[in-house]
Amino acid sequence: MTKTDPIRPTDDEARRLARDLIDSARFAALAVLVNARPFVTRVALGTTPDGAPLTLVSDLSAHTRALRAAPQASLLVGEPGDKGDPLTHPRLTLDCTARFLAKDDALRAHYLATHPKAKLYIDFADFNFVGFEVEAGHLNGGFGKAFRLTPADLAPTGQPPAPGA
């Protein structure tokens, strides 16, 4: 018996769904390594003005220290709906490298537009922006709908892919 590859060829519908999951996410599961072991936490998630995933983290958190020590990370976006089997709802895992970004007024305003409650702590000295350079995406678009995506597949519509994509 021959096994067939369960991964479908990436098409425009998969690209759109993946991009919608990134653009609509207000939080994500972030996976990092702490003491060589997987550590997963929930973080607020937005995007940079050019569409890359972005979060705001405190130096007091274990995941921030982990990202400073080893910037490799994964993000999981997409939440189950109110009805049905949670495993039939779309979700996207992003393999990323974290980059700590300068906190400038434009990035601050952009982030606050989608995360207004962050105004309470965004200016604290221990809070930093982290952008994620996406290296690969793994989309589960629902039962039997698995796709591998490249950085170019995940680029926002009308945006050129990031350098090196």
Protein backbone atom coordinates (compact mmCIF):
# COMPACT_ATOMS: atom_id res chain seq x y z
CA MET A 1 0.00 0.00 0.00
CA THR A 2 1.46 3.35 -1.04
CA LYS A 3 1.03 6.33 1.22
CA THR A 4 0.19 9.61 -0.43
CA ASP A 5 1.47 12.94 0.80
CA PRO A 6 -1.32 14.55 2.86
CA ILE A 7 0.03 18.03 2.06
CA ARG A 8 -1.85 19.69 -0.78
CA PRO A 9 -0.21 21.96 -3.35
CA THR A 10 -0.38 25.55 -2.11
CA ASP A 11 -2.98 27.60 -3.97
CA ASP A 12 -4.36 31.14 -3.79
CA GLU A 13 -7.17 30.07 -1.46
CA ALA A 14 -4.64 28.67 1.05
CA ARG A 15 -2.52 31.83 0.77
CA ARG A 16 -5.58 34.04 1.40
CA LEU A 17 -6.72 31.95 4.37
CA ALA A 18 -3.24 32.01 5.93
CA ARG A 19 -2.92 35.76 5.47
CA ASP A 20 -6.42 36.30 6.92
CA LEU A 21 -5.44 34.27 9.99
CA ILE A 22 -2.36 36.47 10.50
CA ASP A 23 -4.16 39.75 9.87
CA SER A 24 -7.14 38.97 12.10
CA ALA A 25 -5.17 37.51 15.03
CA ARG A 26 -5.16 39.59 18.20
CA PHE A 27 -3.28 36.93 20.14
CA ALA A 28 -1.25 33.79 19.45
CA ALA A 29 0.39 30.87 21.15
CA LEU A 30 4.14 31.53 21.19
CA ALA A 31 6.52 28.58 21.50
CA VAL A 32 10.13 29.14 22.59
CA LEU A 33 12.86 27.06 24.20
CA VAL A 34 13.49 27.44 27.93
CA ASN A 35 16.31 25.28 29.29
CA ALA A 36 16.22 23.27 26.02
CA ARG A 37 12.55 22.41 26.57
CA PRO A 38 9.49 23.67 24.69
CA PHE A 39 7.65 26.48 26.48
CA VAL A 40 4.35 27.79 25.14
CA THR A 41 2.56 30.94 26.25
CA ARG A 42 -0.13 33.26 24.95
CA VAL A 43 0.90 36.69 23.65
CA ALA A 44 -0.94 39.61 22.12
CA LEU A 45 -0.30 39.64 18.37
CA GLY A 46 -0.53 42.29 15.71
CA THR A 47 1.44 43.08 12.61
CA THR A 48 4.07 45.60 11.66
CA PRO A 49 3.04 48.18 9.04
CA ASP A 50 4.48 45.83 6.39
CA GLY A 51 2.44 42.85 7.66
CA ALA A 52 4.97 40.84 9.69
CA PRO A 53 3.75 39.36 12.99
CA LEU A 54 4.48 41.63 15.96
CA THR A 55 4.09 41.42 19.72
CA LEU A 56 4.87 43.53 22.76
CA VAL A 57 6.64 41.71 25.59
CA SER A 58 7.97 42.46 29.05
CA ASP A 59 11.56 41.77 30.09
CA LEU A 60 10.06 40.15 33.20
CA SER A 61 8.57 37.25 31.24
CA ALA A 62 10.23 33.89 30.66
CA HIS A 63 9.41 33.99 26.95
CA THR A 64 11.20 37.33 26.49
CA ARG A 65 14.35 35.99 28.15
CA ALA A 66 14.07 32.86 25.99
CA LEU A 67 13.77 34.91 22.77
CA ARG A 68 16.84 36.93 23.73
CA ALA A 69 18.80 33.71 24.32
CA ALA A 70 17.54 31.87 21.20
CA PRO A 71 15.38 33.80 18.73
CA GLN A 72 13.87 30.73 17.06
CA ALA A 73 10.16 30.54 17.78
CA SER A 74 6.80 29.33 16.52
CA LEU A 75 3.49 31.14 16.54
CA LEU A 76 0.10 29.47 16.32
CA VAL A 77 -2.84 31.59 15.17
CA GLY A 78 -6.46 30.66 14.54
CA GLU A 79 -9.10 29.84 17.10
CA PRO A 80 -11.90 27.29 17.05
CA GLY A 81 -15.37 28.59 16.36
CA ASP A 82 -18.30 28.36 18.75
CA LYS A 83 -19.62 25.16 17.18
CA GLY A 84 -18.23 21.95 15.82
CA ASP A 85 -15.05 20.03 16.38
CA PRO A 86 -12.19 22.45 17.23
CA LEU A 87 -9.88 20.46 14.94
CA THR A 88 -11.95 21.33 11.87
CA HIS A 89 -11.30 25.08 12.24
CA PRO A 90 -8.36 26.66 10.36
CA ARG A 91 -5.07 27.32 12.13
CA LEU A 92 -1.62 28.36 11.04
CA THR A 93 1.75 27.58 12.60
CA LEU A 94 4.55 29.99 11.68
CA ASP A 95 8.22 29.07 12.02
CA CYS A 96 9.93 32.36 12.87
CA THR A 97 13.01 34.18 14.02
CA ALA A 98 12.33 36.91 16.58
CA ARG A 99 13.86 40.38 16.24
CA PHE A 100 13.67 42.99 18.98
CA LEU A 101 12.61 46.28 17.37
CA ALA A 102 13.14 49.89 18.35
CA LYS A 103 10.10 51.43 20.00
CA ASP A 104 9.31 54.41 17.77
CA ASP A 105 6.20 56.59 17.62
CA ALA A 106 4.97 55.14 14.31
CA LEU A 107 5.20 51.52 15.48
CA ARG A 108 3.64 52.47 18.83
CA ALA A 109 0.65 54.14 17.11
CA HIS A 110 0.26 51.26 14.66
CA TYR A 111 0.19 48.69 17.48
CA LEU A 112 -2.19 50.72 19.64
CA ALA A 113 -4.67 50.95 16.74
CA THR A 114 -5.40 47.23 17.17
CA HIS A 115 -4.43 46.83 20.85
CA PRO A 116 -5.77 49.97 22.60
CA LYS A 117 -5.56 48.42 26.08
CA ALA A 118 -1.77 48.18 25.67
CA LYS A 119 -1.73 51.95 26.25
CA LEU A 120 -1.63 51.09 29.97
CA TYR A 121 1.86 49.54 29.71
CA ILE A 122 3.34 50.16 26.25
CA ASP A 123 5.59 52.94 27.57
CA PHE A 124 6.96 50.98 30.54
CA ALA A 125 10.74 50.67 30.23
CA ASP A 126 10.66 46.86 30.40
CA PHE A 127 8.30 46.47 27.41
CA ASN A 128 9.74 45.80 23.95
CA PHE A 129 8.41 45.17 20.48
CA VAL A 130 9.34 41.86 18.90
CA GLY A 131 8.84 41.33 15.20
CA PHE A 132 8.86 37.85 13.73
CA GLU A 133 10.58 37.04 10.47
CA VAL A 134 8.52 34.18 9.07
CA GLU A 135 10.56 31.37 7.54
CA ALA A 136 7.75 28.88 6.86
CA GLY A 137 4.07 28.38 7.43
CA HIS A 138 2.05 25.24 8.07
CA LEU A 139 -1.65 25.74 7.40
CA ASN A 140 -4.32 23.35 8.51
CA GLY A 141 -7.34 24.78 6.73
CA GLY A 142 -9.72 22.20 8.19
CA PHE A 143 -10.07 18.46 7.86
CA GLY A 144 -7.88 17.18 5.00
CA LYS A 145 -6.65 20.66 4.03
CA ALA A 146 -2.96 20.84 4.95
CA PHE A 147 -0.51 23.17 3.18
CA ARG A 148 3.13 24.22 3.48
CA LEU A 149 3.69 27.92 2.82
CA THR A 150 6.78 29.95 2.04
CA PRO A 151 7.44 33.54 3.16
CA ALA A 152 6.38 34.66 -0.34
CA ASP A 153 3.08 32.75 0.07
CA LEU A 154 2.47 34.63 3.33
CA ALA A 155 3.30 38.14 2.08
CA PRO A 156 0.41 40.60 2.36
CA THR A 157 -1.44 41.20 -0.90
CA GLY A 158 0.28 43.95 -2.82
CA GLN A 159 3.45 43.66 -0.71
CA PRO A 160 6.68 42.25 -2.08
CA PRO A 161 8.07 39.28 -0.14
CA ALA A 162 10.61 40.07 2.56
CA PRO A 163 14.28 40.03 1.53
CA GLY A 164 15.63 36.51 1.34
CA ALA A 165 12.12 35.02 0.90
